[in-house]
mmCIF file of all heavy atoms, coordinates in Angstrom:
data_MODEL
# 
_entry.id   MODEL 
# 
loop_
_atom_site.group_PDB 
_atom_site.id 
_atom_site.type_symbol 
_atom_site.label_atom_id 
_atom_site.label_alt_id 
_atom_site.label_comp_id 
_atom_site.label_asym_id 
_atom_site.label_entity_id 
_atom_site.label_seq_id 
_atom_site.pdbx_PDB_ins_code 
_atom_site.Cartn_x 
_atom_site.Cartn_y 
_atom_site.Cartn_z 
_atom_site.occupancy 
_atom_site.B_iso_or_equiv 
_atom_site.pdbx_formal_charge 
_atom_site.auth_seq_id 
_atom_site.auth_comp_id 
_atom_site.auth_asym_id 
_atom_site.auth_atom_id 
_atom_site.pdbx_PDB_model_num 
ATOM 1   N N   . VAL A 1 1  ? -10.512 -21.754 -47.420 1.00 0.00 ? 1  VAL A N   1 
ATOM 2   C CA  . VAL A 1 1  ? -11.023 -20.779 -48.392 1.00 0.00 ? 1  VAL A CA  1 
ATOM 3   C C   . VAL A 1 1  ? -9.854  -20.316 -49.224 1.00 0.00 ? 1  VAL A C   1 
ATOM 4   O O   . VAL A 1 1  ? -8.846  -19.869 -48.671 1.00 0.00 ? 1  VAL A O   1 
ATOM 5   C CB  . VAL A 1 1  ? -11.676 -19.580 -47.707 1.00 0.00 ? 1  VAL A CB  1 
ATOM 6   C CG1 . VAL A 1 1  ? -12.129 -18.547 -48.728 1.00 0.00 ? 1  VAL A CG1 1 
ATOM 7   C CG2 . VAL A 1 1  ? -12.883 -20.018 -46.852 1.00 0.00 ? 1  VAL A CG2 1 
ATOM 8   N N   . LEU A 1 2  ? -9.976  -20.465 -50.526 1.00 0.00 ? 2  LEU A N   1 
ATOM 9   C CA  . LEU A 1 2  ? -8.959  -19.999 -51.500 1.00 0.00 ? 2  LEU A CA  1 
ATOM 10  C C   . LEU A 1 2  ? -9.586  -18.909 -52.331 1.00 0.00 ? 2  LEU A C   1 
ATOM 11  O O   . LEU A 1 2  ? -10.582 -19.104 -52.967 1.00 0.00 ? 2  LEU A O   1 
ATOM 12  C CB  . LEU A 1 2  ? -8.511  -21.163 -52.362 1.00 0.00 ? 2  LEU A CB  1 
ATOM 13  C CG  . LEU A 1 2  ? -7.292  -20.921 -53.286 1.00 0.00 ? 2  LEU A CG  1 
ATOM 14  C CD1 . LEU A 1 2  ? -6.551  -22.228 -53.552 1.00 0.00 ? 2  LEU A CD1 1 
ATOM 15  C CD2 . LEU A 1 2  ? -7.716  -20.289 -54.622 1.00 0.00 ? 2  LEU A CD2 1 
ATOM 16  N N   . HIS A 1 3  ? -8.959  -17.743 -52.272 1.00 0.00 ? 3  HIS A N   1 
ATOM 17  C CA  . HIS A 1 3  ? -9.422  -16.554 -53.021 1.00 0.00 ? 3  HIS A CA  1 
ATOM 18  C C   . HIS A 1 3  ? -8.521  -16.363 -54.230 1.00 0.00 ? 3  HIS A C   1 
ATOM 19  O O   . HIS A 1 3  ? -7.297  -16.300 -54.085 1.00 0.00 ? 3  HIS A O   1 
ATOM 20  C CB  . HIS A 1 3  ? -9.355  -15.350 -52.078 1.00 0.00 ? 3  HIS A CB  1 
ATOM 21  C CG  . HIS A 1 3  ? -9.498  -14.018 -52.740 1.00 0.00 ? 3  HIS A CG  1 
ATOM 22  N ND1 . HIS A 1 3  ? -10.505 -13.707 -53.647 1.00 0.00 ? 3  HIS A ND1 1 
ATOM 23  C CD2 . HIS A 1 3  ? -8.711  -12.893 -52.683 1.00 0.00 ? 3  HIS A CD2 1 
ATOM 24  C CE1 . HIS A 1 3  ? -10.384 -12.477 -54.066 1.00 0.00 ? 3  HIS A CE1 1 
ATOM 25  N NE2 . HIS A 1 3  ? -9.276  -11.948 -53.506 1.00 0.00 ? 3  HIS A NE2 1 
ATOM 26  N N   . ASP A 1 4  ? -9.123  -16.275 -55.413 1.00 0.00 ? 4  ASP A N   1 
ATOM 27  C CA  . ASP A 1 4  ? -8.386  -16.121 -56.667 1.00 0.00 ? 4  ASP A CA  1 
ATOM 28  C C   . ASP A 1 4  ? -8.785  -14.778 -57.280 1.00 0.00 ? 4  ASP A C   1 
ATOM 29  O O   . ASP A 1 4  ? -9.749  -14.677 -58.077 1.00 0.00 ? 4  ASP A O   1 
ATOM 30  C CB  . ASP A 1 4  ? -8.742  -17.273 -57.615 1.00 0.00 ? 4  ASP A CB  1 
ATOM 31  C CG  . ASP A 1 4  ? -7.893  -17.262 -58.869 1.00 0.00 ? 4  ASP A CG  1 
ATOM 32  O OD1 . ASP A 1 4  ? -7.257  -16.224 -59.169 1.00 0.00 ? 4  ASP A OD1 1 
ATOM 33  O OD2 . ASP A 1 4  ? -7.911  -18.284 -59.567 1.00 0.00 ? 4  ASP A OD2 1 
ATOM 34  N N   . PRO A 1 5  ? -8.034  -13.708 -56.963 1.00 0.00 ? 5  PRO A N   1 
ATOM 35  C CA  . PRO A 1 5  ? -8.426  -12.370 -57.430 1.00 0.00 ? 5  PRO A CA  1 
ATOM 36  C C   . PRO A 1 5  ? -8.303  -12.175 -58.948 1.00 0.00 ? 5  PRO A C   1 
ATOM 37  O O   . PRO A 1 5  ? -9.086  -11.423 -59.550 1.00 0.00 ? 5  PRO A O   1 
ATOM 38  C CB  . PRO A 1 5  ? -7.496  -11.414 -56.675 1.00 0.00 ? 5  PRO A CB  1 
ATOM 39  C CG  . PRO A 1 5  ? -6.331  -12.266 -56.280 1.00 0.00 ? 5  PRO A CG  1 
ATOM 40  C CD  . PRO A 1 5  ? -6.858  -13.642 -56.059 1.00 0.00 ? 5  PRO A CD  1 
ATOM 41  N N   . LYS A 1 6  ? -7.372  -12.867 -59.560 1.00 0.00 ? 6  LYS A N   1 
ATOM 42  C CA  . LYS A 1 6  ? -7.218  -12.685 -61.000 1.00 0.00 ? 6  LYS A CA  1 
ATOM 43  C C   . LYS A 1 6  ? -8.402  -13.280 -61.780 1.00 0.00 ? 6  LYS A C   1 
ATOM 44  O O   . LYS A 1 6  ? -8.869  -12.700 -62.771 1.00 0.00 ? 6  LYS A O   1 
ATOM 45  C CB  . LYS A 1 6  ? -5.909  -13.352 -61.466 1.00 0.00 ? 6  LYS A CB  1 
ATOM 46  C CG  . LYS A 1 6  ? -4.680  -12.600 -61.031 1.00 0.00 ? 6  LYS A CG  1 
ATOM 47  C CD  . LYS A 1 6  ? -3.414  -13.219 -61.614 1.00 0.00 ? 6  LYS A CD  1 
ATOM 48  C CE  . LYS A 1 6  ? -2.183  -12.395 -61.188 1.00 0.00 ? 6  LYS A CE  1 
ATOM 49  N NZ  . LYS A 1 6  ? -0.907  -12.982 -61.726 1.00 0.00 ? 6  LYS A NZ  1 
ATOM 50  N N   . ARG A 1 7  ? -8.901  -14.418 -61.315 1.00 0.00 ? 7  ARG A N   1 
ATOM 51  C CA  . ARG A 1 7  ? -10.051 -15.041 -61.967 1.00 0.00 ? 7  ARG A CA  1 
ATOM 52  C C   . ARG A 1 7  ? -11.395 -14.570 -61.352 1.00 0.00 ? 7  ARG A C   1 
ATOM 53  O O   . ARG A 1 7  ? -12.466 -14.963 -61.799 1.00 0.00 ? 7  ARG A O   1 
ATOM 54  C CB  . ARG A 1 7  ? -9.952  -16.563 -61.875 1.00 0.00 ? 7  ARG A CB  1 
ATOM 55  C CG  . ARG A 1 7  ? -8.727  -17.151 -62.539 1.00 0.00 ? 7  ARG A CG  1 
ATOM 56  C CD  . ARG A 1 7  ? -8.677  -18.645 -62.341 1.00 0.00 ? 7  ARG A CD  1 
ATOM 57  N NE  . ARG A 1 7  ? -7.393  -19.213 -62.728 1.00 0.00 ? 7  ARG A NE  1 
ATOM 58  C CZ  . ARG A 1 7  ? -7.020  -20.462 -62.563 1.00 0.00 ? 7  ARG A CZ  1 
ATOM 59  N NH1 . ARG A 1 7  ? -7.902  -21.321 -62.009 1.00 0.00 ? 7  ARG A NH1 1 
ATOM 60  N NH2 . ARG A 1 7  ? -5.835  -20.903 -62.927 1.00 0.00 ? 7  ARG A NH2 1 
ATOM 61  N N   . GLU A 1 8  ? -11.264 -13.768 -60.332 1.00 0.00 ? 8  GLU A N   1 
ATOM 62  C CA  . GLU A 1 8  ? -12.435 -13.231 -59.608 1.00 0.00 ? 8  GLU A CA  1 
ATOM 63  C C   . GLU A 1 8  ? -13.363 -14.365 -59.183 1.00 0.00 ? 8  GLU A C   1 
ATOM 64  O O   . GLU A 1 8  ? -14.595 -14.364 -59.413 1.00 0.00 ? 8  GLU A O   1 
ATOM 65  C CB  . GLU A 1 8  ? -13.216 -12.201 -60.495 1.00 0.00 ? 8  GLU A CB  1 
ATOM 66  C CG  . GLU A 1 8  ? -12.400 -10.983 -60.821 1.00 0.00 ? 8  GLU A CG  1 
ATOM 67  C CD  . GLU A 1 8  ? -13.195 -9.936  -61.567 1.00 0.00 ? 8  GLU A CD  1 
ATOM 68  O OE1 . GLU A 1 8  ? -14.311 -10.240 -62.019 1.00 0.00 ? 8  GLU A OE1 1 
ATOM 69  O OE2 . GLU A 1 8  ? -12.715 -8.790  -61.707 1.00 0.00 ? 8  GLU A OE2 1 
ATOM 70  N N   . THR A 1 9  ? -12.797 -15.317 -58.495 1.00 0.00 ? 9  THR A N   1 
ATOM 71  C CA  . THR A 1 9  ? -13.540 -16.452 -57.985 1.00 0.00 ? 9  THR A CA  1 
ATOM 72  C C   . THR A 1 9  ? -12.964 -16.930 -56.659 1.00 0.00 ? 9  THR A C   1 
ATOM 73  O O   . THR A 1 9  ? -11.984 -16.354 -56.172 1.00 0.00 ? 9  THR A O   1 
ATOM 74  C CB  . THR A 1 9  ? -13.565 -17.585 -59.019 1.00 0.00 ? 9  THR A CB  1 
ATOM 75  O OG1 . THR A 1 9  ? -14.528 -18.585 -58.597 1.00 0.00 ? 9  THR A OG1 1 
ATOM 76  C CG2 . THR A 1 9  ? -12.201 -18.259 -59.166 1.00 0.00 ? 9  THR A CG2 1 
ATOM 77  N N   . PHE A 1 10 ? -13.554 -17.942 -56.088 1.00 0.00 ? 10 PHE A N   1 
ATOM 78  C CA  . PHE A 1 10 ? -13.046 -18.537 -54.852 1.00 0.00 ? 10 PHE A CA  1 
ATOM 79  C C   . PHE A 1 10 ? -13.391 -20.000 -54.811 1.00 0.00 ? 10 PHE A C   1 
ATOM 80  O O   . PHE A 1 10 ? -14.238 -20.477 -55.563 1.00 0.00 ? 10 PHE A O   1 
ATOM 81  C CB  . PHE A 1 10 ? -13.639 -17.822 -53.619 1.00 0.00 ? 10 PHE A CB  1 
ATOM 82  C CG  . PHE A 1 10 ? -15.137 -17.857 -53.536 1.00 0.00 ? 10 PHE A CG  1 
ATOM 83  C CD1 . PHE A 1 10 ? -15.806 -18.983 -53.054 1.00 0.00 ? 10 PHE A CD1 1 
ATOM 84  C CD2 . PHE A 1 10 ? -15.906 -16.777 -53.934 1.00 0.00 ? 10 PHE A CD2 1 
ATOM 85  C CE1 . PHE A 1 10 ? -17.167 -19.043 -52.969 1.00 0.00 ? 10 PHE A CE1 1 
ATOM 86  C CE2 . PHE A 1 10 ? -17.284 -16.823 -53.887 1.00 0.00 ? 10 PHE A CE2 1 
ATOM 87  C CZ  . PHE A 1 10 ? -17.951 -17.966 -53.399 1.00 0.00 ? 10 PHE A CZ  1 
ATOM 88  N N   . LEU A 1 11 ? -12.697 -20.729 -53.936 1.00 0.00 ? 11 LEU A N   1 
ATOM 89  C CA  . LEU A 1 11 ? -12.964 -22.148 -53.689 1.00 0.00 ? 11 LEU A CA  1 
ATOM 90  C C   . LEU A 1 11 ? -13.027 -22.354 -52.188 1.00 0.00 ? 11 LEU A C   1 
ATOM 91  O O   . LEU A 1 11 ? -12.129 -21.983 -51.446 1.00 0.00 ? 11 LEU A O   1 
ATOM 92  C CB  . LEU A 1 11 ? -11.858 -23.018 -54.300 1.00 0.00 ? 11 LEU A CB  1 
ATOM 93  C CG  . LEU A 1 11 ? -11.881 -24.506 -53.962 1.00 0.00 ? 11 LEU A CG  1 
ATOM 94  C CD1 . LEU A 1 11 ? -13.122 -25.160 -54.529 1.00 0.00 ? 11 LEU A CD1 1 
ATOM 95  C CD2 . LEU A 1 11 ? -10.613 -25.204 -54.462 1.00 0.00 ? 11 LEU A CD2 1 
ATOM 96  N N   . ILE A 1 12 ? -14.110 -22.975 -51.726 1.00 0.00 ? 12 ILE A N   1 
ATOM 97  C CA  . ILE A 1 12 ? -14.261 -23.342 -50.332 1.00 0.00 ? 12 ILE A CA  1 
ATOM 98  C C   . ILE A 1 12 ? -14.457 -24.850 -50.243 1.00 0.00 ? 12 ILE A C   1 
ATOM 99  O O   . ILE A 1 12 ? -15.216 -25.404 -51.053 1.00 0.00 ? 12 ILE A O   1 
ATOM 100 C CB  . ILE A 1 12 ? -15.484 -22.662 -49.691 1.00 0.00 ? 12 ILE A CB  1 
ATOM 101 C CG1 . ILE A 1 12 ? -15.469 -21.152 -49.921 1.00 0.00 ? 12 ILE A CG1 1 
ATOM 102 C CG2 . ILE A 1 12 ? -15.555 -22.957 -48.178 1.00 0.00 ? 12 ILE A CG2 1 
ATOM 103 C CD1 . ILE A 1 12 ? -16.674 -20.413 -49.393 1.00 0.00 ? 12 ILE A CD1 1 
ATOM 104 N N   . ALA A 1 13 ? -13.741 -25.527 -49.332 1.00 0.00 ? 13 ALA A N   1 
ATOM 105 C CA  . ALA A 1 13 ? -13.880 -26.977 -49.260 1.00 0.00 ? 13 ALA A CA  1 
ATOM 106 C C   . ALA A 1 13 ? -13.683 -27.441 -47.810 1.00 0.00 ? 13 ALA A C   1 
ATOM 107 O O   . ALA A 1 13 ? -13.058 -26.775 -46.993 1.00 0.00 ? 13 ALA A O   1 
ATOM 108 C CB  . ALA A 1 13 ? -12.867 -27.669 -50.186 1.00 0.00 ? 13 ALA A CB  1 
ATOM 109 N N   . ARG A 1 14 ? -14.240 -28.656 -47.540 1.00 0.00 ? 14 ARG A N   1 
ATOM 110 C CA  . ARG A 1 14 ? -14.124 -29.249 -46.216 1.00 0.00 ? 14 ARG A CA  1 
ATOM 111 C C   . ARG A 1 14 ? -13.772 -30.734 -46.386 1.00 0.00 ? 14 ARG A C   1 
ATOM 112 O O   . ARG A 1 14 ? -14.093 -31.371 -47.366 1.00 0.00 ? 14 ARG A O   1 
ATOM 113 C CB  . ARG A 1 14 ? -15.454 -29.119 -45.482 1.00 0.00 ? 14 ARG A CB  1 
ATOM 114 C CG  . ARG A 1 14 ? -15.418 -29.536 -44.006 1.00 0.00 ? 14 ARG A CG  1 
ATOM 115 C CD  . ARG A 1 14 ? -16.726 -29.328 -43.353 1.00 0.00 ? 14 ARG A CD  1 
ATOM 116 N NE  . ARG A 1 14 ? -16.697 -29.704 -41.930 1.00 0.00 ? 14 ARG A NE  1 
ATOM 117 C CZ  . ARG A 1 14 ? -17.734 -29.838 -41.161 1.00 0.00 ? 14 ARG A CZ  1 
ATOM 118 N NH1 . ARG A 1 14 ? -18.975 -29.600 -41.654 1.00 0.00 ? 14 ARG A NH1 1 
ATOM 119 N NH2 . ARG A 1 14 ? -17.648 -30.193 -39.885 1.00 0.00 ? 14 ARG A NH2 1 
ATOM 120 N N   . ASP A 1 15 ? -13.050 -31.272 -45.390 1.00 0.00 ? 15 ASP A N   1 
ATOM 121 C CA  . ASP A 1 15 ? -12.537 -32.633 -45.472 1.00 0.00 ? 15 ASP A CA  1 
ATOM 122 C C   . ASP A 1 15 ? -13.676 -33.677 -45.570 1.00 0.00 ? 15 ASP A C   1 
ATOM 123 O O   . ASP A 1 15 ? -14.827 -33.378 -45.294 1.00 0.00 ? 15 ASP A O   1 
ATOM 124 C CB  . ASP A 1 15 ? -11.589 -32.937 -44.321 1.00 0.00 ? 15 ASP A CB  1 
ATOM 125 C CG  . ASP A 1 15 ? -12.287 -33.020 -42.950 1.00 0.00 ? 15 ASP A CG  1 
ATOM 126 O OD1 . ASP A 1 15 ? -13.049 -33.978 -42.754 1.00 0.00 ? 15 ASP A OD1 1 
ATOM 127 O OD2 . ASP A 1 15 ? -12.064 -32.141 -42.116 1.00 0.00 ? 15 ASP A OD2 1 
ATOM 128 N N   . PRO A 1 16 ? -13.357 -34.906 -46.009 1.00 0.00 ? 16 PRO A N   1 
ATOM 129 C CA  . PRO A 1 16 ? -14.393 -35.901 -46.325 1.00 0.00 ? 16 PRO A CA  1 
ATOM 130 C C   . PRO A 1 16 ? -15.374 -36.211 -45.205 1.00 0.00 ? 16 PRO A C   1 
ATOM 131 O O   . PRO A 1 16 ? -16.593 -36.389 -45.451 1.00 0.00 ? 16 PRO A O   1 
ATOM 132 C CB  . PRO A 1 16 ? -13.578 -37.129 -46.720 1.00 0.00 ? 16 PRO A CB  1 
ATOM 133 C CG  . PRO A 1 16 ? -12.321 -36.591 -47.258 1.00 0.00 ? 16 PRO A CG  1 
ATOM 134 C CD  . PRO A 1 16 ? -12.031 -35.383 -46.401 1.00 0.00 ? 16 PRO A CD  1 
ATOM 135 N N   . ILE A 1 17 ? -14.903 -36.334 -43.976 1.00 0.00 ? 17 ILE A N   1 
ATOM 136 C CA  . ILE A 1 17 ? -15.775 -36.741 -42.852 1.00 0.00 ? 17 ILE A CA  1 
ATOM 137 C C   . ILE A 1 17 ? -16.251 -35.533 -42.050 1.00 0.00 ? 17 ILE A C   1 
ATOM 138 O O   . ILE A 1 17 ? -17.246 -35.604 -41.360 1.00 0.00 ? 17 ILE A O   1 
ATOM 139 C CB  . ILE A 1 17 ? -15.038 -37.732 -41.931 1.00 0.00 ? 17 ILE A CB  1 
ATOM 140 C CG1 . ILE A 1 17 ? -14.583 -38.960 -42.753 1.00 0.00 ? 17 ILE A CG1 1 
ATOM 141 C CG2 . ILE A 1 17 ? -15.899 -38.192 -40.771 1.00 0.00 ? 17 ILE A CG2 1 
ATOM 142 C CD1 . ILE A 1 17 ? -15.754 -39.743 -43.358 1.00 0.00 ? 17 ILE A CD1 1 
ATOM 143 N N   . GLY A 1 18 ? -15.565 -34.440 -42.159 1.00 0.00 ? 18 GLY A N   1 
ATOM 144 C CA  . GLY A 1 18 ? -15.942 -33.232 -41.371 1.00 0.00 ? 18 GLY A CA  1 
ATOM 145 C C   . GLY A 1 18 ? -15.258 -33.205 -40.014 1.00 0.00 ? 18 GLY A C   1 
ATOM 146 O O   . GLY A 1 18 ? -15.881 -32.766 -39.013 1.00 0.00 ? 18 GLY A O   1 
ATOM 147 N N   . VAL A 1 19 ? -14.011 -33.642 -39.944 1.00 0.00 ? 19 VAL A N   1 
ATOM 148 C CA  . VAL A 1 19 ? -13.271 -33.583 -38.706 1.00 0.00 ? 19 VAL A CA  1 
ATOM 149 C C   . VAL A 1 19 ? -13.071 -32.124 -38.271 1.00 0.00 ? 19 VAL A C   1 
ATOM 150 O O   . VAL A 1 19 ? -13.149 -31.769 -37.095 1.00 0.00 ? 19 VAL A O   1 
ATOM 151 C CB  . VAL A 1 19 ? -11.925 -34.303 -38.831 1.00 0.00 ? 19 VAL A CB  1 
ATOM 152 C CG1 . VAL A 1 19 ? -11.073 -34.161 -37.555 1.00 0.00 ? 19 VAL A CG1 1 
ATOM 153 C CG2 . VAL A 1 19 ? -12.132 -35.785 -39.166 1.00 0.00 ? 19 VAL A CG2 1 
ATOM 154 N N   . VAL A 1 20 ? -12.837 -31.282 -39.277 1.00 0.00 ? 20 VAL A N   1 
ATOM 155 C CA  . VAL A 1 20 ? -12.631 -29.829 -39.051 1.00 0.00 ? 20 VAL A CA  1 
ATOM 156 C C   . VAL A 1 20 ? -13.938 -29.089 -39.334 1.00 0.00 ? 20 VAL A C   1 
ATOM 157 O O   . VAL A 1 20 ? -14.546 -29.316 -40.370 1.00 0.00 ? 20 VAL A O   1 
ATOM 158 C CB  . VAL A 1 20 ? -11.515 -29.325 -39.955 1.00 0.00 ? 20 VAL A CB  1 
ATOM 159 C CG1 . VAL A 1 20 ? -11.346 -27.818 -39.802 1.00 0.00 ? 20 VAL A CG1 1 
ATOM 160 C CG2 . VAL A 1 20 ? -10.190 -30.021 -39.594 1.00 0.00 ? 20 VAL A CG2 1 
ATOM 161 N N   . PRO A 1 21 ? -14.365 -28.263 -38.417 1.00 0.00 ? 21 PRO A N   1 
ATOM 162 C CA  . PRO A 1 21 ? -15.658 -27.535 -38.639 1.00 0.00 ? 21 PRO A CA  1 
ATOM 163 C C   . PRO A 1 21 ? -15.571 -26.393 -39.622 1.00 0.00 ? 21 PRO A C   1 
ATOM 164 O O   . PRO A 1 21 ? -14.482 -25.802 -39.805 1.00 0.00 ? 21 PRO A O   1 
ATOM 165 C CB  . PRO A 1 21 ? -15.967 -27.005 -37.212 1.00 0.00 ? 21 PRO A CB  1 
ATOM 166 C CG  . PRO A 1 21 ? -14.629 -26.832 -36.574 1.00 0.00 ? 21 PRO A CG  1 
ATOM 167 C CD  . PRO A 1 21 ? -13.759 -27.924 -37.122 1.00 0.00 ? 21 PRO A CD  1 
ATOM 168 N N   . LEU A 1 22 ? -16.686 -26.056 -40.226 1.00 0.00 ? 22 LEU A N   1 
ATOM 169 C CA  . LEU A 1 22 ? -16.750 -24.919 -41.118 1.00 0.00 ? 22 LEU A CA  1 
ATOM 170 C C   . LEU A 1 22 ? -18.212 -24.468 -41.258 1.00 0.00 ? 22 LEU A C   1 
ATOM 171 O O   . LEU A 1 22 ? -19.083 -25.314 -41.438 1.00 0.00 ? 22 LEU A O   1 
ATOM 172 C CB  . LEU A 1 22 ? -16.174 -25.269 -42.492 1.00 0.00 ? 22 LEU A CB  1 
ATOM 173 C CG  . LEU A 1 22 ? -16.076 -24.104 -43.511 1.00 0.00 ? 22 LEU A CG  1 
ATOM 174 C CD1 . LEU A 1 22 ? -15.108 -23.039 -42.995 1.00 0.00 ? 22 LEU A CD1 1 
ATOM 175 C CD2 . LEU A 1 22 ? -15.678 -24.568 -44.888 1.00 0.00 ? 22 LEU A CD2 1 
ATOM 176 N N   . TYR A 1 23 ? -18.415 -23.171 -41.199 1.00 0.00 ? 23 TYR A N   1 
ATOM 177 C CA  . TYR A 1 23 ? -19.778 -22.580 -41.304 1.00 0.00 ? 23 TYR A CA  1 
ATOM 178 C C   . TYR A 1 23 ? -19.787 -21.483 -42.339 1.00 0.00 ? 23 TYR A C   1 
ATOM 179 O O   . TYR A 1 23 ? -18.758 -20.789 -42.518 1.00 0.00 ? 23 TYR A O   1 
ATOM 180 C CB  . TYR A 1 23 ? -20.245 -22.019 -39.956 1.00 0.00 ? 23 TYR A CB  1 
ATOM 181 C CG  . TYR A 1 23 ? -20.353 -23.065 -38.871 1.00 0.00 ? 23 TYR A CG  1 
ATOM 182 C CD1 . TYR A 1 23 ? -19.246 -23.446 -38.121 1.00 0.00 ? 23 TYR A CD1 1 
ATOM 183 C CD2 . TYR A 1 23 ? -21.579 -23.724 -38.608 1.00 0.00 ? 23 TYR A CD2 1 
ATOM 184 C CE1 . TYR A 1 23 ? -19.358 -24.392 -37.115 1.00 0.00 ? 23 TYR A CE1 1 
ATOM 185 C CE2 . TYR A 1 23 ? -21.693 -24.679 -37.622 1.00 0.00 ? 23 TYR A CE2 1 
ATOM 186 C CZ  . TYR A 1 23 ? -20.561 -25.014 -36.883 1.00 0.00 ? 23 TYR A CZ  1 
ATOM 187 O OH  . TYR A 1 23 ? -20.666 -25.970 -35.890 1.00 0.00 ? 23 TYR A OH  1 
ATOM 188 N N   . LEU A 1 24 ? -20.901 -21.318 -42.983 1.00 0.00 ? 24 LEU A N   1 
ATOM 189 C CA  . LEU A 1 24 ? -21.121 -20.180 -43.913 1.00 0.00 ? 24 LEU A CA  1 
ATOM 190 C C   . LEU A 1 24 ? -22.189 -19.264 -43.313 1.00 0.00 ? 24 LEU A C   1 
ATOM 191 O O   . LEU A 1 24 ? -23.049 -19.681 -42.566 1.00 0.00 ? 24 LEU A O   1 
ATOM 192 C CB  . LEU A 1 24 ? -21.613 -20.674 -45.249 1.00 0.00 ? 24 LEU A CB  1 
ATOM 193 C CG  . LEU A 1 24 ? -20.679 -21.616 -46.047 1.00 0.00 ? 24 LEU A CG  1 
ATOM 194 C CD1 . LEU A 1 24 ? -21.334 -21.961 -47.418 1.00 0.00 ? 24 LEU A CD1 1 
ATOM 195 C CD2 . LEU A 1 24 ? -19.303 -21.043 -46.234 1.00 0.00 ? 24 LEU A CD2 1 
ATOM 196 N N   . GLY A 1 25 ? -22.062 -17.977 -43.664 1.00 0.00 ? 25 GLY A N   1 
ATOM 197 C CA  . GLY A 1 25 ? -23.060 -17.027 -43.275 1.00 0.00 ? 25 GLY A CA  1 
ATOM 198 C C   . GLY A 1 25 ? -23.281 -15.982 -44.340 1.00 0.00 ? 25 GLY A C   1 
ATOM 199 O O   . GLY A 1 25 ? -22.383 -15.764 -45.211 1.00 0.00 ? 25 GLY A O   1 
# 
């Protein structure tokens, strides 16, 4: 998760195959 306070936005990303887990809520 990358938080960009100056642009008031964020970027969330996960690797191509999903070796590393990630959940949203």
